[in-house]
Amino acid sequence: MRQVTELDFRMPEFRNAKVEDYEFRQDGKLVRKDRWERGIHTIRAIIGHGGREFEIDDVVEQVRDVMGDWMRAVPEDWDEMVESKHVDLMLADGSILIECKADGDAFEWNFGVGFSPEDIGETVERWRRSRPNKNAEEGE
């Protein structure tokens, strides 16, 4: 059995940490000095940008592509949404409904789910015009 050392008493996340890699944030929390760099590398990996060499502006542009053109849902946008015929809706619970179809003065989604102007800003937090279906564009 090995002997107990000072490292055994450290919190697991700091067990093998080097003092020079950390600093205190203004709120007093101990954080890595390179947290911003590590964060951009994590984002880069999530969006699928391969390799270690990259430009931050390229990563930001890819994030914008992934996030699309989401707009905050406000009642004043309802007429524009209806004119768009098909919209994607981001709901308060975080779910995203793709290609909701305008049906009169409401939007219908699969399985009979419907949304009216009263849902804007409450149930529906964000919206965007639906992107064209790639399969439909390719004639499949």
N, C-alpha and C. Protein backbone atom coordinates (compact mmCIF):
# COMPACT_ATOMS: atom_id res chain seq x y z
N MET A 1 0.85 -1.17 0.00
CA MET A 1 0.00 0.00 0.00
C MET A 1 0.90 1.24 0.00
N ARG A 2 0.50 2.26 -0.79
CA ARG A 2 1.33 3.46 -0.88
C ARG A 2 1.06 4.40 0.28
N GLN A 3 1.97 5.33 0.46
CA GLN A 3 1.87 6.30 1.55
C GLN A 3 0.98 7.47 1.12
N VAL A 4 0.21 8.02 2.04
CA VAL A 4 -0.65 9.17 1.77
C VAL A 4 0.23 10.39 1.53
N THR A 5 -0.15 11.19 0.49
CA THR A 5 0.60 12.42 0.18
C THR A 5 -0.35 13.60 0.23
N GLU A 6 0.21 14.79 0.11
CA GLU A 6 -0.58 16.02 0.09
C GLU A 6 -1.58 16.00 -1.06
N LEU A 7 -1.20 15.43 -2.21
CA LEU A 7 -2.08 15.37 -3.37
C LEU A 7 -3.37 14.61 -3.09
N ASP A 8 -3.34 13.68 -2.18
CA ASP A 8 -4.53 12.90 -1.84
C ASP A 8 -5.61 13.76 -1.19
N PHE A 9 -5.24 14.92 -0.65
CA PHE A 9 -6.19 15.80 0.02
C PHE A 9 -6.74 16.87 -0.91
N ARG A 10 -6.21 16.98 -2.11
CA ARG A 10 -6.67 18.00 -3.06
C ARG A 10 -7.96 17.54 -3.74
N MET A 11 -8.74 18.55 -4.18
CA MET A 11 -9.94 18.25 -4.95
C MET A 11 -9.50 17.59 -6.26
N PRO A 12 -10.26 16.61 -6.76
CA PRO A 12 -9.84 15.88 -7.96
C PRO A 12 -9.50 16.77 -9.15
N GLU A 13 -10.26 17.84 -9.37
CA GLU A 13 -10.00 18.69 -10.54
C GLU A 13 -8.69 19.47 -10.43
N PHE A 14 -8.13 19.55 -9.23
CA PHE A 14 -6.86 20.28 -9.06
C PHE A 14 -5.72 19.34 -8.65
N ARG A 15 -5.96 18.05 -8.64
CA ARG A 15 -4.98 17.10 -8.11
C ARG A 15 -3.61 17.23 -8.76
N ASN A 16 -3.53 17.29 -10.08
CA ASN A 16 -2.24 17.37 -10.76
C ASN A 16 -2.02 18.74 -11.40
N ALA A 17 -2.73 19.74 -10.92
CA ALA A 17 -2.64 21.08 -11.49
C ALA A 17 -1.36 21.78 -11.08
N LYS A 18 -0.94 22.69 -11.98
CA LYS A 18 0.22 23.52 -11.69
C LYS A 18 -0.28 24.90 -11.28
N VAL A 19 0.27 25.44 -10.24
CA VAL A 19 -0.15 26.74 -9.71
C VAL A 19 -0.09 27.81 -10.78
N GLU A 20 0.93 27.79 -11.62
CA GLU A 20 1.09 28.84 -12.63
C GLU A 20 0.02 28.80 -13.73
N ASP A 21 -0.78 27.73 -13.79
CA ASP A 21 -1.84 27.63 -14.80
C ASP A 21 -3.18 28.20 -14.33
N TYR A 22 -3.24 28.67 -13.09
CA TYR A 22 -4.51 29.11 -12.50
C TYR A 22 -4.44 30.53 -11.98
N GLU A 23 -5.63 31.14 -11.87
CA GLU A 23 -5.76 32.48 -11.30
C GLU A 23 -7.14 32.58 -10.65
N PHE A 24 -7.32 33.62 -9.86
CA PHE A 24 -8.63 33.87 -9.26
C PHE A 24 -9.40 34.83 -10.14
N ARG A 25 -10.66 34.49 -10.41
CA ARG A 25 -11.55 35.37 -11.13
C ARG A 25 -12.02 36.46 -10.17
N GLN A 26 -12.65 37.53 -10.67
CA GLN A 26 -13.11 38.62 -9.81
C GLN A 26 -14.08 38.16 -8.74
N ASP A 27 -14.85 37.11 -9.03
CA ASP A 27 -15.80 36.63 -8.03
C ASP A 27 -15.16 35.67 -7.03
N GLY A 28 -13.83 35.48 -7.13
CA GLY A 28 -13.11 34.66 -6.18
C GLY A 28 -12.95 33.21 -6.56
N LYS A 29 -13.55 32.80 -7.67
CA LYS A 29 -13.44 31.41 -8.10
C LYS A 29 -12.06 31.15 -8.72
N LEU A 30 -11.49 30.00 -8.43
CA LEU A 30 -10.22 29.58 -8.99
C LEU A 30 -10.47 29.01 -10.38
N VAL A 31 -9.82 29.57 -11.42
CA VAL A 31 -10.06 29.16 -12.81
C VAL A 31 -8.75 29.04 -13.57
N ARG A 32 -8.79 28.29 -14.67
CA ARG A 32 -7.61 28.16 -15.54
C ARG A 32 -7.37 29.47 -16.27
N LYS A 33 -6.11 29.83 -16.43
CA LYS A 33 -5.78 31.04 -17.17
C LYS A 33 -6.11 30.90 -18.65
N ASP A 34 -6.02 29.70 -19.16
CA ASP A 34 -6.26 29.46 -20.59
C ASP A 34 -7.69 29.01 -20.88
N ARG A 35 -8.65 29.36 -20.03
CA ARG A 35 -10.02 28.88 -20.20
C ARG A 35 -10.65 29.37 -21.50
N TRP A 36 -10.31 30.56 -21.95
CA TRP A 36 -10.89 31.08 -23.20
C TRP A 36 -10.36 30.28 -24.39
N GLU A 37 -9.07 30.00 -24.39
CA GLU A 37 -8.49 29.21 -25.47
C GLU A 37 -9.07 27.80 -25.47
N ARG A 38 -9.18 27.21 -24.30
CA ARG A 38 -9.75 25.86 -24.20
C ARG A 38 -11.21 25.87 -24.66
N GLY A 39 -11.93 26.94 -24.33
CA GLY A 39 -13.33 27.06 -24.74
C GLY A 39 -13.49 27.10 -26.25
N ILE A 40 -12.66 27.90 -26.93
CA ILE A 40 -12.77 27.99 -28.39
C ILE A 40 -12.40 26.67 -29.04
N HIS A 41 -11.44 25.94 -28.46
CA HIS A 41 -11.09 24.62 -28.99
C HIS A 41 -12.26 23.65 -28.81
N THR A 42 -12.96 23.74 -27.70
CA THR A 42 -14.12 22.88 -27.46
C THR A 42 -15.22 23.19 -28.48
N ILE A 43 -15.50 24.47 -28.69
CA ILE A 43 -16.51 24.87 -29.66
C ILE A 43 -16.11 24.40 -31.05
N ARG A 44 -14.85 24.57 -31.41
CA ARG A 44 -14.34 24.14 -32.71
C ARG A 44 -14.58 22.65 -32.91
N ALA A 45 -14.32 21.86 -31.88
CA ALA A 45 -14.51 20.41 -31.98
C ALA A 45 -16.00 20.05 -32.10
N ILE A 46 -16.86 20.76 -31.38
CA ILE A 46 -18.29 20.47 -31.41
C ILE A 46 -18.87 20.72 -32.79
N ILE A 47 -18.46 21.79 -33.46
CA ILE A 47 -19.02 22.11 -34.77
C ILE A 47 -18.34 21.36 -35.90
N GLY A 48 -17.31 20.57 -35.56
CA GLY A 48 -16.70 19.70 -36.55
C GLY A 48 -15.59 20.32 -37.37
N HIS A 49 -14.99 21.38 -36.89
CA HIS A 49 -13.87 22.01 -37.59
C HIS A 49 -12.62 21.22 -37.25
N GLY A 50 -12.09 20.47 -38.21
CA GLY A 50 -10.95 19.58 -37.95
C GLY A 50 -9.63 20.32 -37.87
N GLY A 51 -8.65 19.66 -37.27
CA GLY A 51 -7.29 20.18 -37.22
C GLY A 51 -7.06 21.16 -36.09
N ARG A 52 -5.78 21.38 -35.79
CA ARG A 52 -5.43 22.31 -34.72
C ARG A 52 -5.24 23.73 -35.23
N GLU A 53 -5.02 23.89 -36.51
CA GLU A 53 -4.81 25.22 -37.08
C GLU A 53 -6.15 25.76 -37.59
N PHE A 54 -6.55 26.92 -37.08
CA PHE A 54 -7.81 27.51 -37.51
C PHE A 54 -7.80 28.99 -37.15
N GLU A 55 -8.70 29.72 -37.76
CA GLU A 55 -8.91 31.13 -37.44
C GLU A 55 -10.18 31.24 -36.61
N ILE A 56 -10.13 32.03 -35.58
CA ILE A 56 -11.30 32.19 -34.70
C ILE A 56 -12.49 32.72 -35.50
N ASP A 57 -12.26 33.65 -36.43
CA ASP A 57 -13.36 34.17 -37.24
C ASP A 57 -14.06 33.06 -38.02
N ASP A 58 -13.30 32.05 -38.48
CA ASP A 58 -13.90 30.92 -39.19
C ASP A 58 -14.80 30.11 -38.26
N VAL A 59 -14.35 29.91 -37.03
CA VAL A 59 -15.15 29.17 -36.06
C VAL A 59 -16.43 29.94 -35.74
N VAL A 60 -16.32 31.25 -35.55
CA VAL A 60 -17.49 32.09 -35.27
C VAL A 60 -18.48 32.00 -36.43
N GLU A 61 -17.99 32.04 -37.65
CA GLU A 61 -18.86 31.95 -38.82
C GLU A 61 -19.57 30.59 -38.87
N GLN A 62 -18.86 29.52 -38.53
CA GLN A 62 -19.49 28.20 -38.50
C GLN A 62 -20.56 28.12 -37.42
N VAL A 63 -20.32 28.73 -36.28
CA VAL A 63 -21.33 28.75 -35.21
C VAL A 63 -22.56 29.49 -35.71
N ARG A 64 -22.36 30.59 -36.41
CA ARG A 64 -23.49 31.34 -36.95
C ARG A 64 -24.28 30.49 -37.94
N ASP A 65 -23.56 29.71 -38.76
CA ASP A 65 -24.25 28.82 -39.71
C ASP A 65 -25.08 27.78 -38.97
N VAL A 66 -24.51 27.21 -37.93
CA VAL A 66 -25.21 26.18 -37.15
C VAL A 66 -26.44 26.78 -36.47
N MET A 67 -26.26 27.95 -35.87
CA MET A 67 -27.37 28.59 -35.15
C MET A 67 -28.41 29.16 -36.10
N GLY A 68 -28.01 29.42 -37.33
CA GLY A 68 -28.97 29.94 -38.30
C GLY A 68 -29.36 31.37 -37.99
N ASP A 69 -30.48 31.74 -38.52
CA ASP A 69 -30.96 33.12 -38.42
C ASP A 69 -32.09 33.23 -37.42
N TRP A 70 -31.90 32.71 -36.22
CA TRP A 70 -32.95 32.74 -35.20
C TRP A 70 -33.21 34.17 -34.76
N MET A 71 -34.47 34.53 -34.68
CA MET A 71 -34.88 35.85 -34.21
C MET A 71 -35.73 35.67 -32.96
N ARG A 72 -35.64 36.62 -32.06
CA ARG A 72 -36.48 36.56 -30.86
C ARG A 72 -37.93 36.71 -31.30
N ALA A 73 -38.79 35.85 -30.79
CA ALA A 73 -40.20 35.86 -31.17
C ALA A 73 -40.94 36.96 -30.41
N VAL A 74 -41.46 37.91 -31.16
CA VAL A 74 -42.27 38.99 -30.57
C VAL A 74 -43.58 39.05 -31.36
N PRO A 75 -44.67 39.44 -30.71
CA PRO A 75 -45.97 39.46 -31.38
C PRO A 75 -45.98 40.25 -32.70
N GLU A 76 -45.17 41.29 -32.79
CA GLU A 76 -45.13 42.11 -34.00
C GLU A 76 -44.64 41.33 -35.22
N ASP A 77 -43.97 40.19 -35.01
CA ASP A 77 -43.44 39.38 -36.11
C ASP A 77 -44.46 38.41 -36.70
N TRP A 78 -45.62 38.28 -36.07
CA TRP A 78 -46.56 37.23 -36.46
C TRP A 78 -46.92 37.30 -37.95
N ASP A 79 -47.25 38.49 -38.46
CA ASP A 79 -47.64 38.60 -39.88
C ASP A 79 -46.51 38.15 -40.79
N GLU A 80 -45.29 38.53 -40.47
CA GLU A 80 -44.13 38.13 -41.26
C GLU A 80 -43.94 36.61 -41.21
N MET A 81 -44.18 36.03 -40.05
CA MET A 81 -44.06 34.58 -39.91
C MET A 81 -45.08 33.88 -40.80
N VAL A 82 -46.33 34.36 -40.79
CA VAL A 82 -47.39 33.75 -41.60
C VAL A 82 -47.06 33.89 -43.09
N GLU A 83 -46.54 35.04 -43.50
CA GLU A 83 -46.16 35.25 -44.90
C GLU A 83 -45.07 34.28 -45.33
N SER A 84 -44.23 33.86 -44.42
CA SER A 84 -43.13 32.94 -44.74
C SER A 84 -43.61 31.54 -45.08
N LYS A 85 -44.85 31.21 -44.74
CA LYS A 85 -45.48 29.91 -45.00
C LYS A 85 -44.92 28.77 -44.14
N HIS A 86 -43.59 28.63 -44.06
CA HIS A 86 -42.96 27.58 -43.25
C HIS A 86 -41.92 28.23 -42.35
N VAL A 87 -41.99 27.93 -41.05
CA VAL A 87 -41.01 28.48 -40.11
C VAL A 87 -40.54 27.37 -39.16
N ASP A 88 -39.37 27.58 -38.59
CA ASP A 88 -38.87 26.72 -37.52
C ASP A 88 -39.09 27.47 -36.23
N LEU A 89 -39.54 26.79 -35.19
CA LEU A 89 -39.84 27.43 -33.92
C LEU A 89 -38.98 26.83 -32.81
N MET A 90 -38.39 27.71 -31.99
CA MET A 90 -37.66 27.27 -30.80
C MET A 90 -38.56 27.56 -29.61
N LEU A 91 -38.88 26.51 -28.87
CA LEU A 91 -39.82 26.64 -27.76
C LEU A 91 -39.10 26.91 -26.45
N ALA A 92 -39.86 27.34 -25.46
CA ALA A 92 -39.31 27.69 -24.14
C ALA A 92 -38.60 26.52 -23.48
N ASP A 93 -39.01 25.29 -23.79
CA ASP A 93 -38.37 24.12 -23.17
C ASP A 93 -37.09 23.71 -23.90
N GLY A 94 -36.71 24.47 -24.93
CA GLY A 94 -35.48 24.18 -25.67
C GLY A 94 -35.68 23.35 -26.91
N SER A 95 -36.87 22.80 -27.11
CA SER A 95 -37.10 21.98 -28.29
C SER A 95 -37.24 22.87 -29.52
N ILE A 96 -36.90 22.30 -30.67
CA ILE A 96 -36.97 23.01 -31.94
C ILE A 96 -37.88 22.23 -32.87
N LEU A 97 -38.89 22.90 -33.40
CA LEU A 97 -39.83 22.29 -34.33
C LEU A 97 -39.50 22.81 -35.73
N ILE A 98 -39.13 21.91 -36.62
CA ILE A 98 -38.71 22.27 -37.96
C ILE A 98 -39.90 22.22 -38.92
N GLU A 99 -39.98 23.21 -39.78
CA GLU A 99 -40.99 23.31 -40.84
C GLU A 99 -42.42 23.28 -40.34
N CYS A 100 -42.74 24.19 -39.45
CA CYS A 100 -44.13 24.38 -39.05
C CYS A 100 -44.82 25.10 -40.20
N LYS A 101 -45.98 24.63 -40.59
CA LYS A 101 -46.67 25.15 -41.76
C LYS A 101 -47.78 26.11 -41.35
N ALA A 102 -47.82 27.26 -42.03
CA ALA A 102 -48.89 28.23 -41.78
C ALA A 102 -50.21 27.64 -42.25
N ASP A 103 -51.21 27.71 -41.38
CA ASP A 103 -52.55 27.21 -41.70
C ASP A 103 -53.54 28.27 -41.21
N GLY A 104 -53.91 29.17 -42.11
CA GLY A 104 -54.74 30.29 -41.72
C GLY A 104 -53.94 31.24 -40.85
N ASP A 105 -54.43 31.50 -39.64
CA ASP A 105 -53.71 32.40 -38.73
C ASP A 105 -53.08 31.59 -37.59
N ALA A 106 -52.55 30.42 -37.93
CA ALA A 106 -51.88 29.57 -36.94
C ALA A 106 -50.80 28.77 -37.66
N PHE A 107 -49.96 28.14 -36.89
CA PHE A 107 -48.94 27.25 -37.44
C PHE A 107 -49.19 25.85 -36.93
N GLU A 108 -49.09 24.90 -37.83
CA GLU A 108 -49.27 23.50 -37.48
C GLU A 108 -47.95 22.78 -37.65
N TRP A 109 -47.68 21.88 -36.73
CA TRP A 109 -46.52 21.01 -36.82
C TRP A 109 -47.02 19.59 -36.78
N ASN A 110 -46.18 18.63 -37.11
CA ASN A 110 -46.58 17.21 -37.10
C ASN A 110 -47.31 16.86 -35.81
N PHE A 111 -48.11 15.84 -35.87
CA PHE A 111 -48.80 15.30 -34.70
C PHE A 111 -49.84 16.26 -34.13
N GLY A 112 -50.33 17.20 -34.95
CA GLY A 112 -51.41 18.07 -34.53
C GLY A 112 -51.04 19.18 -33.57
N VAL A 113 -49.78 19.45 -33.42
CA VAL A 113 -49.35 20.54 -32.54
C VAL A 113 -49.54 21.85 -33.27
N GLY A 114 -50.19 22.81 -32.62
CA GLY A 114 -50.47 24.09 -33.26
C GLY A 114 -50.05 25.27 -32.39
N PHE A 115 -49.78 26.39 -33.06
CA PHE A 115 -49.36 27.61 -32.37
C PHE A 115 -50.10 28.80 -32.95
N SER A 116 -50.49 29.71 -32.07
CA SER A 116 -51.22 30.90 -32.46
C SER A 116 -50.45 32.14 -31.98
N PRO A 117 -50.92 33.33 -32.34
CA PRO A 117 -50.22 34.55 -31.92
C PRO A 117 -50.03 34.65 -30.40
N GLU A 118 -50.94 34.07 -29.63
CA GLU A 118 -50.83 34.14 -28.17
C GLU A 118 -49.61 33.37 -27.64
N ASP A 119 -49.09 32.45 -28.43
CA ASP A 119 -47.93 31.65 -28.00
C ASP A 119 -46.60 32.37 -28.18
N ILE A 120 -46.61 33.44 -28.97
CA ILE A 120 -45.36 34.15 -29.27
C ILE A 120 -44.85 34.85 -28.02
N GLY A 121 -43.59 34.61 -27.70
CA GLY A 121 -42.97 35.23 -26.53
C GLY A 121 -43.12 34.41 -25.27
N GLU A 122 -44.08 33.50 -25.23
CA GLU A 122 -44.29 32.64 -24.07
C GLU A 122 -43.80 31.23 -24.40
N THR A 123 -44.62 30.49 -25.13
CA THR A 123 -44.26 29.13 -25.54
C THR A 123 -43.19 29.17 -26.63
N VAL A 124 -43.36 30.06 -27.60
CA VAL A 124 -42.42 30.21 -28.71
C VAL A 124 -41.48 31.36 -28.40
N GLU A 125 -40.19 31.05 -28.22
CA GLU A 125 -39.21 32.08 -27.86
C GLU A 125 -38.45 32.64 -29.06
N ARG A 126 -38.19 31.80 -30.06
CA ARG A 126 -37.44 32.24 -31.25
C ARG A 126 -38.04 31.59 -32.49
N TRP A 127 -37.76 32.22 -33.64
CA TRP A 127 -38.24 31.68 -34.90
C TRP A 127 -37.27 32.03 -36.00
N ARG A 128 -37.40 31.30 -37.11
CA ARG A 128 -36.66 31.61 -38.34
C ARG A 128 -37.43 31.01 -39.51
N ARG A 129 -37.18 31.54 -40.69
CA ARG A 129 -37.78 30.96 -41.89
C ARG A 129 -37.15 29.58 -42.09
N SER A 130 -37.97 28.60 -42.42
CA SER A 130 -37.44 27.25 -42.64
C SER A 130 -36.50 27.26 -43.83
N ARG A 131 -35.44 26.49 -43.70
CA ARG A 131 -34.50 26.35 -44.80
C ARG A 131 -35.07 25.35 -45.79
N PRO A 132 -34.76 25.53 -47.08
CA PRO A 132 -35.27 24.57 -48.07
C PRO A 132 -34.77 23.16 -47.76
N ASN A 133 -35.63 22.20 -47.97
CA ASN A 133 -35.29 20.80 -47.75
C ASN A 133 -34.28 20.37 -48.81
N LYS A 134 -33.11 19.88 -48.39
CA LYS A 134 -32.05 19.49 -49.33
C LYS A 134 -32.52 18.38 -50.26
N ASN A 135 -33.28 17.42 -49.76
CA ASN A 135 -33.77 16.33 -50.60
C ASN A 135 -34.71 16.85 -51.68
N ALA A 136 -35.55 17.82 -51.34
CA ALA A 136 -36.46 18.40 -52.31
C ALA A 136 -35.69 19.16 -53.38
N GLU A 137 -34.61 19.86 -52.98
CA GLU A 137 -33.79 20.61 -53.93
C GLU A 137 -33.10 19.67 -54.91
N GLU A 138 -32.70 18.50 -54.44
CA GLU A 138 -31.95 17.56 -55.27
C GLU A 138 -32.89 16.66 -56.06
N GLY A 139 -34.19 16.82 -55.89
CA GLY A 139 -35.16 16.04 -56.63
C GLY A 139 -35.35 14.62 -56.13
N GLU A 140 -35.00 14.36 -54.90
CA GLU A 140 -35.15 13.01 -54.34
C GLU A 140 -36.53 12.80 -53.77
